[in-house]
Amino acid sequence: MLRQQLIDFECHLGSAFHATDNSQSQPSIRLAVNAQDFRQMLQALDGEYLNLDLNPDGRVSVSDIFDHEVSLKSALKISDFPAWNGMHQRPNGTIKLADLSAALEQAAIASAKESNRFAIAGVLLKLEGKAITVVATDGHRLSKVTAEAQVKKPAEIVLPSSAVKLLTQIKGEPDSEVEIRIEKITQKGVEAAITRACFSCDMSELLVTSEKSFPNYEHVIPSEASITAKLKKKDLIKALCKRFVGRKAPKVRIQFAGNELS
C-alpha cells in the first residue's frame, strides 16, 4: 500500500528543526520518498547522529559526522501522498508508556487473527473513570486489562492490530507520559461512523483512524459468581504446564472441591 511504502517528511524551518533563519515567514518543505530506499541510505552512513536536509528541488540529503553524504530524489508528487493532520484538542487522558504497552500486549493475545472476523478484529481501548481498559476477543476467549491513568474526558476507539503493534514499539522512557486524543469525525454537522485517535509521547506521534465498532463484551462476563477462588498465579501455571505439556488439549476442565483445585 502507498502508506506503507513511502515516508512523508515535513519540516517547518525555525520551529521543529534548527535552521539558520528563524523567520516564521519561511515556507514548509514537504517531501515523500520510498521507505526502503531511505532505510538503505541510512545504513550506508556511520555515527549516532545524522544531519537531514530537505531541499526544495525534491531531494533528501543525509550526512554523518565524517562528511559522508547520500541523497535521494523524490519521484512522487507530494499531492499524491496523504497529508498528516494532527489533532490539537486537549488530551482525553494520559498514561505511562510502560503501562500502555503492557496493557496492549496482554490484551492482544486474545484478539482475532482471522481476517474474515472483521467484527471482533482489533482491540478496544476505552478511557473511563481513573483507568484505561483494553479488551480483545477472538470469539472463544476474552482478555480484559485495566491500567491506571488520568482520564479527563471519557472516550473509546477500536484499534486495528497493525496500530497495536506500532504502539507497543514506541520508543521512550518507561515513565514517559502518553497523551491520548480521541474524537468522532463529523461531516456537515452529522457524526460519522469514523473515530480517530492520536497518541503522543516525547518525539513520537501516531494517528489512527478506525471505522470499527466493538461488540458488547460485558454481557459474557459473569456479574455474580457462585464460587470464588484465590490462588497464586505461578502455582496455576505450573499445574497446567505439568498436566498438559506436549498434549493437544483444546479444552481444560477445572474443578473446585473444598480447598483444592483439580
Protein backbone atom coordinates (compact mmCIF):
# COMPACT_ATOMS: atom_id res chain seq x y z
CA MET A 1 0.00 0.00 0.00
CA LEU A 2 1.09 3.58 -0.62
CA ARG A 3 1.10 4.46 3.08
CA GLN A 4 3.46 1.59 3.88
CA GLN A 5 5.89 2.09 1.01
CA LEU A 6 6.58 5.79 1.46
CA ILE A 7 7.87 8.13 4.11
CA ASP A 8 6.47 11.65 4.34
CA PHE A 9 8.84 14.40 5.53
CA GLU A 10 7.63 17.80 6.64
CA CYS A 11 9.97 20.45 8.04
CA HIS A 12 8.82 23.85 9.24
CA LEU A 13 12.03 25.86 9.29
CA GLY A 14 12.76 27.62 12.55
CA SER A 15 10.33 25.52 14.62
CA ALA A 16 10.85 21.76 14.70
CA PHE A 17 14.43 21.81 13.36
CA HIS A 18 17.46 24.01 13.87
CA ALA A 19 17.77 26.47 10.99
CA THR A 20 19.99 29.42 10.23
CA ASP A 21 16.97 31.59 9.55
CA ASN A 22 14.39 31.51 12.32
CA SER A 23 11.94 33.71 10.46
CA GLN A 24 8.37 32.41 10.77
CA SER A 25 7.71 33.53 7.21
CA GLN A 26 9.77 30.59 5.88
CA PRO A 27 7.60 28.13 3.94
CA SER A 28 7.46 24.47 4.92
CA ILE A 29 9.28 21.84 2.88
CA ARG A 30 7.46 18.55 2.42
CA LEU A 31 8.81 15.53 0.52
CA ALA A 32 7.77 11.91 0.02
CA VAL A 33 10.37 9.20 -0.64
CA ASN A 34 10.44 5.42 -0.92
CA ALA A 35 10.78 3.92 2.57
CA GLN A 36 13.03 1.00 1.52
CA ASP A 37 15.41 3.28 -0.37
CA PHE A 38 15.57 5.63 2.61
CA ARG A 39 16.45 2.80 5.02
CA GLN A 40 19.24 1.63 2.72
CA MET A 41 20.54 5.19 2.54
CA LEU A 42 20.71 5.45 6.35
CA GLN A 43 22.52 2.11 6.65
CA ALA A 44 25.30 3.43 4.39
CA LEU A 45 26.22 6.13 6.94
CA ASP A 46 28.07 6.00 10.27
CA GLY A 47 27.63 7.67 13.63
CA GLU A 48 24.87 8.03 16.20
CA TYR A 49 23.57 11.34 14.84
CA LEU A 50 22.87 12.29 11.24
CA ASN A 51 22.16 15.60 9.55
CA LEU A 52 18.99 15.67 7.45
CA ASP A 53 18.39 18.26 4.74
CA LEU A 54 15.14 18.67 2.84
CA ASN A 55 15.72 20.54 -0.39
CA PRO A 56 13.04 22.42 -2.34
CA ASP A 57 14.16 20.69 -5.54
CA GLY A 58 12.81 17.38 -4.22
CA ARG A 59 15.98 15.86 -2.77
CA VAL A 60 16.56 14.42 0.72
CA SER A 61 20.22 14.64 1.75
CA VAL A 62 21.67 12.89 4.79
CA SER A 63 25.24 13.27 6.04
CA ASP A 64 27.20 11.90 9.01
CA ILE A 65 29.99 13.31 11.20
CA PHE A 66 32.58 12.02 8.71
CA ASP A 67 31.15 14.25 5.96
CA HIS A 68 29.74 11.27 4.08
CA GLU A 69 26.61 12.38 2.26
CA VAL A 70 23.88 10.44 0.48
CA SER A 71 20.99 11.97 -1.46
CA LEU A 72 17.65 10.57 -2.53
CA LYS A 73 15.39 12.08 -5.14
CA SER A 74 11.64 12.21 -4.56
CA ALA A 75 9.92 10.70 -7.60
CA LEU A 76 6.41 11.26 -6.26
CA LYS A 77 4.27 14.34 -6.28
CA ILE A 78 3.61 15.39 -2.72
CA SER A 79 -0.06 15.86 -3.62
CA ASP A 80 -0.26 12.07 -4.12
CA PHE A 81 0.80 11.42 -0.54
CA PRO A 82 -1.82 11.62 2.26
CA ALA A 83 -1.31 14.73 4.36
CA TRP A 84 -0.57 14.45 8.09
CA ASN A 85 -3.28 16.21 10.03
CA GLY A 86 -2.54 16.08 13.72
CA MET A 87 -5.10 16.57 16.50
CA HIS A 88 -4.72 19.72 18.55
CA GLN A 89 -7.55 19.28 21.04
CA ARG A 90 -6.93 18.75 24.73
CA PRO A 91 -5.96 15.16 25.63
CA ASN A 92 -8.75 12.81 26.71
CA GLY A 93 -6.26 11.22 29.07
CA THR A 94 -2.64 10.38 29.82
CA ILE A 95 -0.94 7.13 30.79
CA LYS A 96 2.64 5.99 31.34
CA LEU A 97 4.23 4.45 28.25
CA ALA A 98 5.18 1.23 30.07
CA ASP A 99 1.62 0.75 31.38
CA LEU A 100 0.05 1.33 27.95
CA SER A 101 2.45 -1.08 26.21
CA ALA A 102 1.92 -3.79 28.84
CA ALA A 103 -1.89 -3.49 28.69
CA LEU A 104 -1.95 -3.69 24.88
CA GLU A 105 0.42 -6.67 24.75
CA GLN A 106 -1.54 -8.62 27.38
CA ALA A 107 -4.94 -7.97 25.79
CA ALA A 108 -3.81 -8.55 22.19
CA ILE A 109 -3.12 -12.22 22.98
CA ALA A 110 -6.86 -12.90 22.70
CA SER A 111 -7.51 -10.78 19.60
CA ALA A 112 -8.89 -12.40 16.46
CA LYS A 113 -6.21 -13.34 13.94
CA GLU A 114 -8.53 -14.34 11.09
CA SER A 115 -9.05 -11.58 8.53
CA ASN A 116 -12.66 -12.66 7.92
CA ARG A 117 -13.67 -11.94 11.53
CA PHE A 118 -13.94 -8.22 10.95
CA ALA A 119 -16.46 -7.60 13.75
CA ILE A 120 -14.00 -8.59 16.50
CA ALA A 121 -10.69 -7.94 14.76
CA GLY A 122 -8.81 -5.33 16.71
CA VAL A 123 -8.53 -4.17 20.30
CA LEU A 124 -10.95 -1.92 22.17
CA LEU A 125 -9.28 0.93 24.07
CA LYS A 126 -11.61 2.71 26.48
CA LEU A 127 -10.89 5.72 28.70
CA GLU A 128 -13.25 5.95 31.64
CA GLY A 129 -13.07 6.81 35.33
CA LYS A 130 -9.48 6.68 36.51
CA ALA A 131 -8.26 3.96 34.19
CA ILE A 132 -7.79 2.78 30.63
CA THR A 133 -9.43 -0.53 29.75
CA VAL A 134 -8.15 -2.66 26.87
CA VAL A 135 -10.34 -5.53 25.62
CA ALA A 136 -9.79 -8.15 22.92
CA THR A 137 -11.59 -11.35 21.93
CA ASP A 138 -11.50 -13.98 19.20
CA GLY A 139 -14.95 -15.38 19.93
CA HIS A 140 -13.62 -18.18 22.17
CA ARG A 141 -11.62 -16.27 24.76
CA LEU A 142 -11.66 -12.74 26.06
CA SER A 143 -8.91 -10.65 27.60
CA LYS A 144 -9.62 -7.51 29.62
CA VAL A 145 -6.77 -5.46 31.05
CA THR A 146 -7.11 -2.30 33.14
CA ALA A 147 -4.31 0.19 33.73
CA GLU A 148 -4.27 3.27 35.93
CA ALA A 149 -4.46 6.54 34.00
CA GLN A 150 -5.52 10.15 34.27
CA VAL A 151 -8.77 10.44 32.32
CA LYS A 152 -10.13 13.92 31.64
CA LYS A 153 -12.83 13.04 29.11
CA PRO A 154 -14.27 9.53 28.51
CA ALA A 155 -13.79 8.12 25.01
CA GLU A 156 -13.12 4.86 23.19
CA ILE A 157 -11.75 3.54 19.90
CA VAL A 158 -11.20 0.12 18.30
CA LEU A 159 -7.53 -0.13 17.33
CA PRO A 160 -6.55 -2.28 14.33
CA SER A 161 -3.94 -4.95 15.04
CA SER A 162 -1.36 -3.05 12.99
CA ALA A 163 -1.85 0.05 15.18
CA VAL A 164 -1.50 -2.01 18.37
CA LYS A 165 1.85 -3.34 17.12
CA LEU A 166 3.09 0.17 16.35
CA LEU A 167 2.01 1.50 19.76
CA THR A 168 3.93 -1.23 21.60
CA GLN A 169 7.06 -0.26 19.63
CA ILE A 170 7.06 3.43 20.57
CA LYS A 171 10.49 4.35 21.93
CA GLY A 172 10.82 6.33 25.15
CA GLU A 173 11.43 6.16 28.85
CA PRO A 174 9.04 3.80 30.71
CA ASP A 175 7.82 6.73 32.83
CA SER A 176 7.16 8.92 29.78
CA GLU A 177 3.58 10.14 29.54
CA VAL A 178 1.49 9.22 26.51
CA GLU A 179 -1.21 11.76 25.65
CA ILE A 180 -4.29 10.23 24.05
CA ARG A 181 -6.72 12.27 21.98
CA ILE A 182 -9.87 10.63 20.59
CA GLU A 183 -12.60 12.24 18.51
CA LYS A 184 -15.57 11.32 16.34
CA ILE A 185 -15.32 12.71 12.84
CA THR A 186 -18.28 14.82 11.80
CA GLN A 187 -19.37 15.60 8.27
CA LYS A 188 -21.65 18.61 7.72
CA GLY A 189 -22.61 18.60 11.37
CA VAL A 190 -23.55 14.89 11.37
CA GLU A 191 -21.46 12.44 13.39
CA ALA A 192 -19.93 9.82 11.07
CA ALA A 193 -19.07 6.23 11.96
CA ILE A 194 -15.38 7.10 11.95
CA THR A 195 -13.21 7.58 15.01
CA ARG A 196 -9.63 8.75 15.07
CA ALA A 197 -7.07 8.89 17.84
CA CYS A 198 -3.69 10.50 18.29
CA PHE A 199 -1.05 9.06 20.64
CA SER A 200 1.77 11.48 21.52
CA CYS A 201 4.88 10.56 23.51
CA ASP A 202 8.06 12.61 23.57
CA MET A 203 9.03 13.00 19.88
CA SER A 204 6.69 10.26 18.61
CA GLU A 205 3.16 10.72 17.35
CA LEU A 206 0.80 8.10 15.93
CA LEU A 207 -2.52 8.91 14.27
CA VAL A 208 -5.08 6.08 13.98
CA THR A 209 -8.36 6.10 12.06
CA SER A 210 -10.96 3.40 12.72
CA GLU A 211 -14.37 2.59 11.31
CA LYS A 212 -14.87 -0.44 13.54
CA SER A 213 -17.29 -0.96 16.42
CA PHE A 214 -16.68 -3.49 19.19
CA PRO A 215 -19.36 -5.96 20.36
CA ASN A 216 -20.80 -5.68 23.85
CA TYR A 217 -18.36 -7.84 25.77
CA GLU A 218 -19.71 -7.15 29.25
CA HIS A 219 -22.70 -9.48 28.93
CA VAL A 220 -20.38 -12.54 28.67
CA ILE A 221 -18.58 -11.68 31.93
CA PRO A 222 -20.49 -13.09 34.93
CA SER A 223 -21.71 -10.31 37.20
CA GLU A 224 -22.39 -12.71 40.06
CA ALA A 225 -20.28 -15.80 40.77
CA SER A 226 -21.39 -18.78 42.85
CA ILE A 227 -17.80 -19.82 43.51
CA THR A 228 -14.85 -17.52 44.16
CA ALA A 229 -11.30 -18.81 44.48
CA LYS A 230 -7.98 -17.10 45.04
CA LEU A 231 -4.74 -18.85 44.14
CA LYS A 232 -1.21 -17.98 43.21
CA LYS A 233 -0.61 -17.36 39.53
CA LYS A 234 2.65 -19.34 39.39
CA ASP A 235 1.01 -22.41 41.03
CA LEU A 236 -1.81 -22.42 38.45
CA ILE A 237 0.60 -22.08 35.52
CA LYS A 238 2.82 -24.84 36.94
CA ALA A 239 -0.14 -27.21 37.33
CA LEU A 240 -1.41 -26.58 33.81
CA CYS A 241 2.02 -26.97 32.21
CA LYS A 242 2.70 -30.18 34.13
CA ARG A 243 -0.62 -31.69 33.14
CA PHE A 244 -0.87 -30.70 29.51
CA VAL A 245 2.68 -30.19 28.27
CA GLY A 246 3.15 -31.95 24.92
CA ARG A 247 -0.56 -32.71 24.59
CA LYS A 248 -3.17 -31.31 22.26
CA ALA A 249 -5.88 -30.23 24.66
CA PRO A 250 -8.32 -27.73 23.13
CA LYS A 251 -10.26 -27.58 26.39
CA VAL A 252 -9.30 -27.61 30.06
CA ARG A 253 -11.69 -28.61 32.84
CA ILE A 254 -11.13 -27.06 36.26
CA GLN A 255 -12.95 -28.46 39.27
CA PHE A 256 -13.26 -26.90 42.72
CA ALA A 257 -13.65 -29.19 45.73
CA GLY A 258 -13.14 -27.91 49.25
CA ASN A 259 -9.82 -26.13 49.37
CA GLU A 260 -8.42 -27.90 46.33
CA LEU A 261 -8.48 -27.27 42.60
CA SER A 262 -8.12 -30.08 40.12
